[in-house]
Amino acid sequence: MSSTLADEIRKRLGDLSPAERKVARVLLAGYPAAVFETVATIADRASVSAPTVLRCASRLGFKGFPDLQAALRAELDARTASPITLYAHSGPSQSGTPEESGTPEEGQASNPELRAALSLVQQAVSQTFDEIAPREFDDAVQLLSDPRRRVHVAGGRFTHLLAQYLGLHLTQFRDQVQVLPDRDVERTSFLTQLARRDVTVLFDYRRYEPDKTVIAELARERGGKVIVFTDPWLSPAAAHADVVLTTQVTSGSPYDSLTPALALVESLVGAVLERIGDKGHERMKLSESVARRTGLI
């Protein structure tokens, strides 16, 4: 899935009549709950007639309003999917037999399962990079390269690995970078200190974790900036973000792939280091010197 129902509505706004656009804006303003309201309620909120609501659904590419609601239900089911439910829907990966897969070209994996996995990973990474808005990426680079800002990084059950990976790289060439502590007392102290010049980077992929949304809310309440890495279905934390970096999660197993996210993190690290320039290089040399002196390398 490359886009949500909300994305599709936004893309088609230009195709709608002025009255139909009022309906679309009501749906987007209260998304996703507003989509499940009755036609009469939506019409009242948009100050249009009930037939206009039905026409809007049709112009958006659906057979009727119930069809639009069904699409959202499927999207919400996908957002909350677990490895168990994904396995139940798809079963074991079907990569094909060697006869079905053909003869691999030179340099390609000879195992059919590996070739299938490679194809999925390449497609997911390519789609991720194609769909990242250049402005969003540049804004993230600008925020993370600003020496006046502190950077805080947090992830989830699996994505804490991505958060640590990003944090470890940033600490090598800039100051004031911290990964969210694990212990409750330290975490509370950490969140209490969020301030206006802070940048909070969150990784939140399905099944989304409520604390990431709360952290995003706290950061914004204190006047700070928020960057959210998430999947195409969008973490609730994205509603409080200044920058949203969406990555594909397609894989050949019941587990979502974080390879596209890792590739994007590495691209972001490279761009931030380039933006910081000589000061970043000097910080890296200083870190290397201290590490050698203390016997860490």
C-alpha atoms as a PDB file:
ATOM      1  CA  MET A   1       0.000   0.000   0.000  1.00  0.00           C
ATOM      2  CA  SER A   2       1.537   3.340  -1.026  1.00  0.00           C
ATOM      3  CA  SER A   3      -1.136   5.774   0.165  1.00  0.00           C
ATOM      4  CA  THR A   4      -3.958   6.121   2.645  1.00  0.00           C
ATOM      5  CA  LEU A   5      -7.561   7.036   1.954  1.00  0.00           C
ATOM      6  CA  ALA A   6      -6.761  10.526   3.226  1.00  0.00           C
ATOM      7  CA  ASP A   7      -3.920  10.776   0.692  1.00  0.00           C
ATOM      8  CA  GLU A   8      -6.289   9.759  -2.106  1.00  0.00           C
ATOM      9  CA  ILE A   9      -8.857  12.342  -1.045  1.00  0.00           C
ATOM     10  CA  ARG A  10      -6.220  15.074  -1.047  1.00  0.00           C
ATOM     11  CA  LYS A  11      -4.995  14.040  -4.506  1.00  0.00           C
ATOM     12  CA  ARG A  12      -8.519  14.283  -5.937  1.00  0.00           C
ATOM     13  CA  LEU A  13      -9.533  17.604  -4.372  1.00  0.00           C
ATOM     14  CA  GLY A  14      -8.928  19.370  -7.674  1.00  0.00           C
ATOM     15  CA  ASP A  15     -11.402  17.045  -9.425  1.00  0.00           C
ATOM     16  CA  LEU A  16     -14.265  17.895  -7.071  1.00  0.00           C
ATOM     17  CA  SER A  17     -16.879  20.591  -7.330  1.00  0.00           C
ATOM     18  CA  PRO A  18     -16.828  23.368  -4.680  1.00  0.00           C
ATOM     19  CA  ALA A  19     -19.626  21.640  -2.743  1.00  0.00           C
ATOM     20  CA  GLU A  20     -17.923  18.273  -2.963  1.00  0.00           C
ATOM     21  CA  ARG A  21     -14.674  19.822  -1.739  1.00  0.00           C
ATOM     22  CA  LYS A  22     -16.523  20.948   1.398  1.00  0.00           C
ATOM     23  CA  VAL A  23     -17.432  17.310   2.019  1.00  0.00           C
ATOM     24  CA  ALA A  24     -13.831  16.208   1.419  1.00  0.00           C
ATOM     25  CA  ARG A  25     -12.502  18.807   3.855  1.00  0.00           C
ATOM     26  CA  VAL A  26     -14.930  17.645   6.541  1.00  0.00           C
ATOM     27  CA  LEU A  27     -13.719  14.073   6.025  1.00  0.00           C
ATOM     28  CA  LEU A  28     -10.065  15.121   6.200  1.00  0.00           C
ATOM     29  CA  ALA A  29     -10.542  17.410   9.213  1.00  0.00           C
ATOM     30  CA  GLY A  30     -11.968  14.590  11.294  1.00  0.00           C
ATOM     31  CA  TYR A  31     -10.115  11.702   9.687  1.00  0.00           C
ATOM     32  CA  PRO A  32     -10.542   8.825  10.206  1.00  0.00           C
ATOM     33  CA  ALA A  33     -13.560   9.033  12.554  1.00  0.00           C
ATOM     34  CA  ALA A  34     -15.473  11.454  10.322  1.00  0.00           C
ATOM     35  CA  VAL A  35     -15.640   8.891   7.517  1.00  0.00           C
ATOM     36  CA  PHE A  36     -17.788   6.656   9.722  1.00  0.00           C
ATOM     37  CA  GLU A  37     -20.396   9.340  10.401  1.00  0.00           C
ATOM     38  CA  THR A  38     -23.770   9.092   8.693  1.00  0.00           C
ATOM     39  CA  VAL A  39     -24.292  10.783   5.356  1.00  0.00           C
ATOM     40  CA  ALA A  40     -26.762  13.174   6.984  1.00  0.00           C
ATOM     41  CA  THR A  41     -24.276  14.183   9.681  1.00  0.00           C
ATOM     42  CA  ILE A  42     -21.489  14.817   7.161  1.00  0.00           C
ATOM     43  CA  ALA A  43     -23.847  16.810   4.950  1.00  0.00           C
ATOM     44  CA  ASP A  44     -24.840  18.962   7.914  1.00  0.00           C
ATOM     45  CA  ARG A  45     -21.220  19.612   8.896  1.00  0.00           C
ATOM     46  CA  ALA A  46     -20.285  20.524   5.335  1.00  0.00           C
ATOM     47  CA  SER A  47     -23.457  22.610   4.827  1.00  0.00           C
ATOM     48  CA  VAL A  48     -24.373  20.658   1.717  1.00  0.00           C
ATOM     49  CA  SER A  49     -27.108  18.210   0.736  1.00  0.00           C
ATOM     50  CA  ALA A  50     -26.965  14.457   1.331  1.00  0.00           C
ATOM     51  CA  PRO A  51     -26.832  13.761  -2.440  1.00  0.00           C
ATOM     52  CA  THR A  52     -23.680  15.923  -2.577  1.00  0.00           C
ATOM     53  CA  VAL A  53     -21.999  13.623  -0.047  1.00  0.00           C
ATOM     54  CA  LEU A  54     -22.919  10.618  -2.183  1.00  0.00           C
ATOM     55  CA  ARG A  55     -21.640  12.321  -5.345  1.00  0.00           C
ATOM     56  CA  CYS A  56     -18.386  13.144  -3.558  1.00  0.00           C
ATOM     57  CA  ALA A  57     -17.853   9.467  -2.726  1.00  0.00           C
ATOM     58  CA  SER A  58     -18.505   8.588  -6.358  1.00  0.00           C
ATOM     59  CA  ARG A  59     -16.090  11.247  -7.635  1.00  0.00           C
ATOM     60  CA  LEU A  60     -13.452   9.874  -5.290  1.00  0.00           C
ATOM     61  CA  GLY A  61     -13.692   6.572  -7.141  1.00  0.00           C
ATOM     62  CA  PHE A  62     -16.077   4.598  -4.944  1.00  0.00           C
ATOM     63  CA  LYS A  63     -19.366   2.925  -5.853  1.00  0.00           C
ATOM     64  CA  GLY A  64     -21.049   4.645  -2.934  1.00  0.00           C
ATOM     65  CA  PHE A  65     -20.468   5.920   0.566  1.00  0.00           C
ATOM     66  CA  PRO A  66     -20.537   2.432   2.151  1.00  0.00           C
ATOM     67  CA  ASP A  67     -17.778   1.440  -0.286  1.00  0.00           C
ATOM     68  CA  LEU A  68     -15.676   4.403   0.891  1.00  0.00           C
ATOM     69  CA  GLN A  69     -16.214   3.379   4.523  1.00  0.00           C
ATOM     70  CA  ALA A  70     -15.259  -0.206   3.705  1.00  0.00           C
ATOM     71  CA  ALA A  71     -11.984   1.036   2.210  1.00  0.00           C
ATOM     72  CA  LEU A  72     -11.201   2.851   5.435  1.00  0.00           C
ATOM     73  CA  ARG A  73     -12.019  -0.228   7.520  1.00  0.00           C
ATOM     74  CA  ALA A  74      -9.541  -2.219   5.446  1.00  0.00           C
ATOM     75  CA  GLU A  75      -6.946   0.515   5.940  1.00  0.00           C
ATOM     76  CA  LEU A  76      -7.456   0.544   9.704  1.00  0.00           C
ATOM     77  CA  ASP A  77      -7.214  -3.249   9.809  1.00  0.00           C
ATOM     78  CA  ALA A  78      -3.892  -2.966   7.978  1.00  0.00           C
ATOM     79  CA  ARG A  79      -2.663  -0.306  10.412  1.00  0.00           C
ATOM     80  CA  THR A  80      -3.176  -2.606  13.382  1.00  0.00           C
ATOM     81  CA  ALA A  81      -2.031  -5.821  11.721  1.00  0.00           C
ATOM     82  CA  SER A  82       0.314  -8.006  13.726  1.00  0.00           C
ATOM     83  CA  PRO A  83       2.714 -10.677  12.409  1.00  0.00           C
ATOM     84  CA  ILE A  84       0.168 -13.297  13.479  1.00  0.00           C
ATOM     85  CA  THR A  85      -2.689 -11.757  11.484  1.00  0.00           C
ATOM     86  CA  LEU A  86      -0.435 -11.136   8.495  1.00  0.00           C
ATOM     87  CA  TYR A  87       0.652 -14.766   8.572  1.00  0.00           C
ATOM     88  CA  ALA A  88      -2.971 -15.910   8.784  1.00  0.00           C
ATOM     89  CA  HIS A  89      -3.877 -13.858   5.712  1.00  0.00           C
ATOM     90  CA  SER A  90      -0.867 -14.681   3.575  1.00  0.00           C
ATOM     91  CA  GLY A  91       0.423 -18.018   4.853  1.00  0.00           C
ATOM     92  CA  PRO A  92       4.057 -19.010   4.410  1.00  0.00           C
ATOM     93  CA  SER A  93       6.010 -17.141   1.762  1.00  0.00           C
ATOM     94  CA  GLN A  94       5.528 -18.579  -1.710  1.00  0.00           C
ATOM     95  CA  SER A  95       8.697 -17.894  -3.591  1.00  0.00           C
ATOM     96  CA  GLY A  96       8.278 -20.450  -6.361  1.00  0.00           C
ATOM     97  CA  THR A  97      10.363 -23.416  -7.393  1.00  0.00           C
ATOM     98  CA  PRO A  98      13.629 -23.124  -9.311  1.00  0.00           C
ATOM     99  CA  GLU A  99      11.806 -24.187 -12.486  1.00  0.00           C
ATOM    100  CA  GLU A 100       9.222 -21.436 -12.044  1.00  0.00           C
ATOM    101  CA  SER A 101      11.789 -18.775 -11.245  1.00  0.00           C
ATOM    102  CA  GLY A 102      13.987 -19.319 -14.260  1.00  0.00           C
ATOM    103  CA  THR A 103      17.773 -19.103 -14.479  1.00  0.00           C
ATOM    104  CA  PRO A 104      19.289 -16.246 -12.474  1.00  0.00           C
ATOM    105  CA  GLU A 105      21.495 -13.750 -14.245  1.00  0.00           C
ATOM    106  CA  GLU A 106      25.154 -13.464 -13.285  1.00  0.00           C
ATOM    107  CA  GLY A 107      25.554 -11.699  -9.947  1.00  0.00           C
ATOM    108  CA  GLN A 108      22.051 -12.550  -8.753  1.00  0.00           C
ATOM    109  CA  ALA A 109      21.170 -14.912  -5.923  1.00  0.00           C
ATOM    110  CA  SER A 110      20.725 -18.479  -7.173  1.00  0.00           C
ATOM    111  CA  ASN A 111      18.266 -19.419  -4.427  1.00  0.00           C
ATOM    112  CA  PRO A 112      14.662 -18.643  -5.519  1.00  0.00           C
ATOM    113  CA  GLU A 113      13.673 -17.505  -2.029  1.00  0.00           C
ATOM    114  CA  LEU A 114      16.622 -15.101  -1.952  1.00  0.00           C
ATOM    115  CA  ARG A 115      15.773 -13.764  -5.421  1.00  0.00           C
ATOM    116  CA  ALA A 116      12.169 -13.163  -4.361  1.00  0.00           C
ATOM    117  CA  ALA A 117      13.305 -11.438  -1.171  1.00  0.00           C
ATOM    118  CA  LEU A 118      15.795  -9.301  -3.098  1.00  0.00           C
ATOM    119  CA  SER A 119      13.086  -8.198  -5.513  1.00  0.00           C
ATOM    120  CA  LEU A 120      10.774  -7.161  -2.676  1.00  0.00           C
ATOM    121  CA  VAL A 121      13.506  -5.260  -0.850  1.00  0.00           C
ATOM    122  CA  GLN A 122      14.616  -3.429  -3.983  1.00  0.00           C
ATOM    123  CA  GLN A 123      11.059  -2.449  -4.812  1.00  0.00           C
ATOM    124  CA  ALA A 124      10.312  -1.290  -1.263  1.00  0.00           C
ATOM    125  CA  VAL A 125      13.476   0.808  -1.006  1.00  0.00           C
ATOM    126  CA  SER A 126      12.952   2.305  -4.462  1.00  0.00           C
ATOM    127  CA  GLN A 127       9.319   3.169  -3.728  1.00  0.00           C
ATOM    128  CA  THR A 128      10.269   4.703  -0.387  1.00  0.00           C
ATOM    129  CA  PHE A 129      12.841   7.012  -1.949  1.00  0.00           C
ATOM    130  CA  ASP A 130      10.497   7.906  -4.826  1.00  0.00           C
ATOM    131  CA  GLU A 131       7.709   8.893  -2.437  1.00  0.00           C
ATOM    132  CA  ILE A 132       9.724  10.925   0.086  1.00  0.00           C
ATOM    133  CA  ALA A 133       8.933  14.591  -0.463  1.00  0.00           C
ATOM    134  CA  PRO A 134      12.231  16.453  -1.040  1.00  0.00           C
ATOM    135  CA  ARG A 135      11.019  19.306   1.178  1.00  0.00           C
ATOM    136  CA  GLU A 136      10.318  16.918   4.072  1.00  0.00           C
ATOM    137  CA  PHE A 137      13.750  15.336   3.785  1.00  0.00           C
ATOM    138  CA  ASP A 138      15.478  18.720   3.571  1.00  0.00           C
ATOM    139  CA  ASP A 139      13.564  20.000   6.600  1.00  0.00           C
ATOM    140  CA  ALA A 140      14.732  16.960   8.570  1.00  0.00           C
ATOM    141  CA  VAL A 141      18.335  17.593   7.500  1.00  0.00           C
ATOM    142  CA  GLN A 142      18.063  21.256   8.485  1.00  0.00           C
ATOM    143  CA  LEU A 143      16.655  20.476  11.935  1.00  0.00           C
ATOM    144  CA  LEU A 144      19.208  17.760  12.724  1.00  0.00           C
ATOM    145  CA  SER A 145      22.173  19.833  11.534  1.00  0.00           C
ATOM    146  CA  ASP A 146      21.266  22.936  13.586  1.00  0.00           C
ATOM    147  CA  PRO A 147      23.892  23.123  16.380  1.00  0.00           C
ATOM    148  CA  ARG A 148      21.560  25.247  18.523  1.00  0.00           C
ATOM    149  CA  ARG A 149      19.083  22.377  18.859  1.00  0.00           C
ATOM    150  CA  ARG A 150      19.218  19.358  21.120  1.00  0.00           C
ATOM    151  CA  VAL A 151      18.210  16.101  19.429  1.00  0.00           C
ATOM    152  CA  HIS A 152      16.202  13.388  21.196  1.00  0.00           C
ATOM    153  CA  VAL A 153      15.557  10.017  19.554  1.00  0.00           C
ATOM    154  CA  ALA A 154      13.065   7.296  20.496  1.00  0.00           C
ATOM    155  CA  GLY A 155      11.794   4.089  18.909  1.00  0.00           C
ATOM    156  CA  GLY A 156       9.502   1.167  19.644  1.00  0.00           C
ATOM    157  CA  ARG A 157       9.650  -2.583  20.178  1.00  0.00           C
ATOM    158  CA  PHE A 158      11.859  -3.168  17.147  1.00  0.00           C
ATOM    159  CA  THR A 159      12.443   0.360  15.870  1.00  0.00           C
ATOM    160  CA  HIS A 160      14.442   1.322  18.968  1.00  0.00           C
ATOM    161  CA  LEU A 161      17.276  -0.266  16.983  1.00  0.00           C
ATOM    162  CA  LEU A 162      16.796   2.352  14.268  1.00  0.00           C
ATOM    163  CA  ALA A 163      16.610   5.106  16.882  1.00  0.00           C
ATOM    164  CA  GLN A 164      19.874   3.970  18.462  1.00  0.00           C
ATOM    165  CA  TYR A 165      21.495   3.622  15.044  1.00  0.00           C
ATOM    166  CA  LEU A 166      20.563   7.196  14.143  1.00  0.00           C
ATOM    167  CA  GLY A 167      21.574   8.516  17.555  1.00  0.00           C
ATOM    168  CA  LEU A 168      24.965   6.777  17.555  1.00  0.00           C
ATOM    169  CA  HIS A 169      25.816   8.259  14.170  1.00  0.00           C
ATOM    170  CA  LEU A 170      24.720  11.774  15.085  1.00  0.00           C
ATOM    171  CA  THR A 171      26.727  11.755  18.328  1.00  0.00           C
ATOM    172  CA  GLN A 172      29.921  11.243  16.321  1.00  0.00           C
ATOM    173  CA  PHE A 173      29.694  14.582  14.563  1.00  0.00           C
ATOM    174  CA  ARG A 174      27.427  16.839  16.605  1.00  0.00           C
ATOM    175  CA  ASP A 175      26.705  17.642  20.262  1.00  0.00           C
ATOM    176  CA  GLN A 176      23.542  17.254  22.353  1.00  0.00           C
ATOM    177  CA  VAL A 177      22.125  13.989  21.026  1.00  0.00           C
ATOM    178  CA  GLN A 178      20.345  11.606  23.381  1.00  0.00           C
ATOM    179  CA  VAL A 179      18.353   8.396  22.962  1.00  0.00           C
ATOM    180  CA  LEU A 180      15.248   8.078  25.163  1.00  0.00           C
ATOM    181  CA  PRO A 181      16.280   6.189  28.340  1.00  0.00           C
ATOM    182  CA  ASP A 182      14.693   2.825  29.144  1.00  0.00           C
ATOM    183  CA  ARG A 183      14.215   3.207  32.900  1.00  0.00           C
ATOM    184  CA  ASP A 184      11.042   4.955  34.059  1.00  0.00           C
ATOM    185  CA  VAL A 185      12.628   7.563  36.331  1.00  0.00           C
ATOM    186  CA  GLU A 186      15.203   8.584  33.739  1.00  0.00           C
ATOM    187  CA  ARG A 187      12.604   8.609  30.987  1.00  0.00           C
ATOM    188  CA  THR A 188      10.310  10.862  33.017  1.00  0.00           C
ATOM    189  CA  SER A 189      13.167  13.258  33.728  1.00  0.00           C
ATOM    190  CA  PHE A 190      14.116  13.221  30.044  1.00  0.00           C
ATOM    191  CA  LEU A 191      10.582  14.095  28.918  1.00  0.00           C
ATOM    192  CA  THR A 192      10.198  16.760  31.587  1.00  0.00           C
ATOM    193  CA  GLN A 193      13.184  18.607  30.121  1.00  0.00           C
ATOM    194  CA  LEU A 194      11.826  18.867  26.562  1.00  0.00           C
ATOM    195  CA  ALA A 195      12.141  22.492  25.442  1.00  0.00           C
ATOM    196  CA  ARG A 196      11.577  24.904  22.573  1.00  0.00           C
ATOM    197  CA  ARG A 197      14.895  24.328  20.823  1.00  0.00           C
ATOM    198  CA  ASP A 198      14.657  20.547  20.899  1.00  0.00           C
ATOM    199  CA  VAL A 199      14.122  18.194  17.968  1.00  0.00           C
ATOM    200  CA  THR A 200      12.423  14.915  18.867  1.00  0.00           C
ATOM    201  CA  VAL A 201      12.800  12.073  16.357  1.00  0.00           C
ATOM    202  CA  LEU A 202      10.313   9.226  16.745  1.00  0.00           C
ATOM    203  CA  PHE A 203      10.121   5.860  15.018  1.00  0.00           C
ATOM    204  CA  ASP A 204       6.592   4.448  15.211  1.00  0.00           C
ATOM    205  CA  TYR A 205       5.409   1.629  12.959  1.00  0.00           C
ATOM    206  CA  ARG A 206       2.334  -0.587  13.156  1.00  0.00           C
ATOM    207  CA  ARG A 207       1.211  -1.694  15.720  1.00  0.00           C
ATOM    208  CA  TYR A 208       1.660   1.856  16.961  1.00  0.00           C
ATOM    209  CA  GLU A 209       2.664   2.562  20.536  1.00  0.00           C
ATOM    210  CA  PRO A 210       0.604   5.177  22.431  1.00  0.00           C
ATOM    211  CA  ASP A 211       3.613   6.614  24.255  1.00  0.00           C
ATOM    212  CA  LYS A 212       5.114   7.808  20.956  1.00  0.00           C
ATOM    213  CA  THR A 213       2.043   9.953  20.326  1.00  0.00           C
ATOM    214  CA  VAL A 214       2.239  11.320  23.876  1.00  0.00           C
ATOM    215  CA  ILE A 215       5.936  12.152  23.414  1.00  0.00           C
ATOM    216  CA  ALA A 216       5.126  13.972  20.159  1.00  0.00           C
ATOM    217  CA  GLU A 217       2.380  15.914  21.937  1.00  0.00           C
ATOM    218  CA  LEU A 218       4.707  16.862  24.808  1.00  0.00           C
ATOM    219  CA  ALA A 219       7.423  18.007  22.410  1.00  0.00           C
ATOM    220  CA  ARG A 220       5.017  20.215  20.469  1.00  0.00           C
ATOM    221  CA  GLU A 221       3.472  21.627  23.650  1.00  0.00           C
ATOM    222  CA  ARG A 222       6.934  22.767  24.715  1.00  0.00           C
ATOM    223  CA  GLY A 223       7.435  24.466  21.338  1.00  0.00           C
ATOM    224  CA  GLY A 224       9.895  21.915  19.970  1.00  0.00           C
ATOM    225  CA  LYS A 225      10.060  20.244  16.573  1.00  0.00           C
ATOM    226  CA  VAL A 226       9.047  16.659  15.854  1.00  0.00           C
ATOM    227  CA  ILE A 227      10.245  14.288  13.122  1.00  0.00           C
ATOM    228  CA  VAL A 228       8.327  11.018  12.730  1.00  0.00           C
ATOM    229  CA  PHE A 229       9.460   7.946  10.794  1.00  0.00           C
ATOM    230  CA  THR A 230       6.439   5.749  10.089  1.00  0.00           C
ATOM    231  CA  ASP A 231       4.767   3.415   7.597  1.00  0.00           C
ATOM    232  CA  PRO A 232       2.262   4.280   4.828  1.00  0.00           C
ATOM    233  CA  TRP A 233      -0.667   3.979   7.235  1.00  0.00           C
ATOM    234  CA  LEU A 234       0.813   6.712   9.445  1.00  0.00           C
ATOM    235  CA  SER A 235       1.388   6.583  13.174  1.00  0.00           C
ATOM    236  CA  PRO A 236      -1.008   8.753  15.225  1.00  0.00           C
ATOM    237  CA  ALA A 237       2.123  10.628  16.285  1.00  0.00           C
ATOM    238  CA  ALA A 238       2.342  11.974  12.717  1.00  0.00           C
ATOM    239  CA  ALA A 239      -0.543  14.322  13.511  1.00  0.00           C
ATOM    240  CA  HIS A 240       1.817  16.244  15.820  1.00  0.00           C
ATOM    241  CA  ALA A 241       4.887  16.143  13.561  1.00  0.00           C
ATOM    242  CA  ASP A 242       6.631  18.917  11.657  1.00  0.00           C
ATOM    243  CA  VAL A 243       8.249  16.348   9.369  1.00  0.00           C
ATOM    244  CA  VAL A 244       6.845  12.926   8.448  1.00  0.00           C
ATOM    245  CA  LEU A 245       9.145  10.458   6.677  1.00  0.00           C
ATOM    246  CA  THR A 246       7.125   7.509   5.401  1.00  0.00           C
ATOM    247  CA  THR A 247       8.835   4.255   4.456  1.00  0.00           C
ATOM    248  CA  GLN A 248       7.490   1.100   2.851  1.00  0.00           C
ATOM    249  CA  VAL A 249       7.375  -2.078   4.941  1.00  0.00           C
ATOM    250  CA  THR A 250       6.654  -4.722   2.286  1.00  0.00           C
ATOM    251  CA  SER A 251       8.345  -8.055   2.906  1.00  0.00           C
ATOM    252  CA  GLY A 252       8.008 -11.705   2.009  1.00  0.00           C
ATOM    253  CA  SER A 253       7.229 -12.710   5.594  1.00  0.00           C
ATOM    254  CA  PRO A 254       4.558 -11.810   8.171  1.00  0.00           C
ATOM    255  CA  TYR A 255       7.011  -9.280   9.609  1.00  0.00           C
ATOM    256  CA  ASP A 256       7.221  -5.752   8.263  1.00  0.00           C
ATOM    257  CA  SER A 257      10.558  -4.873   6.705  1.00  0.00           C
ATOM    258  CA  LEU A 258      12.591  -2.054   8.254  1.00  0.00           C
ATOM    259  CA  THR A 259      15.212  -2.170   5.498  1.00  0.00           C
ATOM    260  CA  PRO A 260      13.757   0.863   3.646  1.00  0.00           C
ATOM    261  CA  ALA A 261      13.711   2.800   6.925  1.00  0.00           C
ATOM    262  CA  LEU A 262      17.354   1.892   7.597  1.00  0.00           C
ATOM    263  CA  ALA A 263      18.308   2.995   4.095  1.00  0.00           C
ATOM    264  CA  LEU A 264      16.549   6.318   4.652  1.00  0.00           C
ATOM    265  CA  VAL A 265      18.245   6.788   8.034  1.00  0.00           C
ATOM    266  CA  GLU A 266      21.650   6.248   6.449  1.00  0.00           C
ATOM    267  CA  SER A 267      20.834   8.732   3.694  1.00  0.00           C
ATOM    268  CA  LEU A 268      19.723  11.241   6.318  1.00  0.00           C
ATOM    269  CA  VAL A 269      22.914  10.765   8.323  1.00  0.00           C
ATOM    270  CA  GLY A 270      25.028  11.403   5.232  1.00  0.00           C
ATOM    271  CA  ALA A 271      23.061  14.530   4.331  1.00  0.00           C
ATOM    272  CA  VAL A 272      23.258  15.918   7.879  1.00  0.00           C
ATOM    273  CA  LEU A 273      27.017  15.369   8.032  1.00  0.00           C
ATOM    274  CA  GLU A 274      27.433  17.108   4.690  1.00  0.00           C
ATOM    275  CA  ARG A 275      25.277  20.024   5.870  1.00  0.00           C
ATOM    276  CA  ILE A 276      27.282  20.432   9.090  1.00  0.00           C
ATOM    277  CA  GLY A 277      30.491  20.400   7.064  1.00  0.00           C
ATOM    278  CA  ASP A 278      33.913  21.083   8.578  1.00  0.00           C
ATOM    279  CA  LYS A 279      32.627  21.334  12.151  1.00  0.00           C
ATOM    280  CA  GLY A 280      31.253  17.836  11.870  1.00  0.00           C
ATOM    281  CA  HIS A 281      34.551  16.579  10.495  1.00  0.00           C
ATOM    282  CA  GLU A 282      36.450  18.205  13.344  1.00  0.00           C
ATOM    283  CA  ARG A 283      34.073  16.668  15.886  1.00  0.00           C
ATOM    284  CA  MET A 284      34.640  13.228  14.325  1.00  0.00           C
ATOM    285  CA  LYS A 285      38.419  13.650  14.587  1.00  0.00           C
ATOM    286  CA  LEU A 286      38.123  14.747  18.212  1.00  0.00           C
ATOM    287  CA  SER A 287      35.920  11.741  19.013  1.00  0.00           C
ATOM    288  CA  GLU A 288      38.440   9.443  17.346  1.00  0.00           C
ATOM    289  CA  SER A 289      41.286  10.970  19.341  1.00  0.00           C
ATOM    290  CA  VAL A 290      39.441  10.607  22.670  1.00  0.00           C
ATOM    291  CA  ALA A 291      38.451   7.016  21.853  1.00  0.00           C
ATOM    292  CA  ARG A 292      42.052   6.070  21.069  1.00  0.00           C
ATOM    293  CA  ARG A 293      43.396   7.810  24.164  1.00  0.00           C
ATOM    294  CA  THR A 294      40.936   5.967  26.419  1.00  0.00           C
ATOM    295  CA  GLY A 295      41.511   2.621  24.724  1.00  0.00           C
ATOM    296  CA  LEU A 296      38.010   2.341  23.279  1.00  0.00           C
ATOM    297  CA  ILE A 297      39.369   1.667  19.780  1.00  0.00           C
END
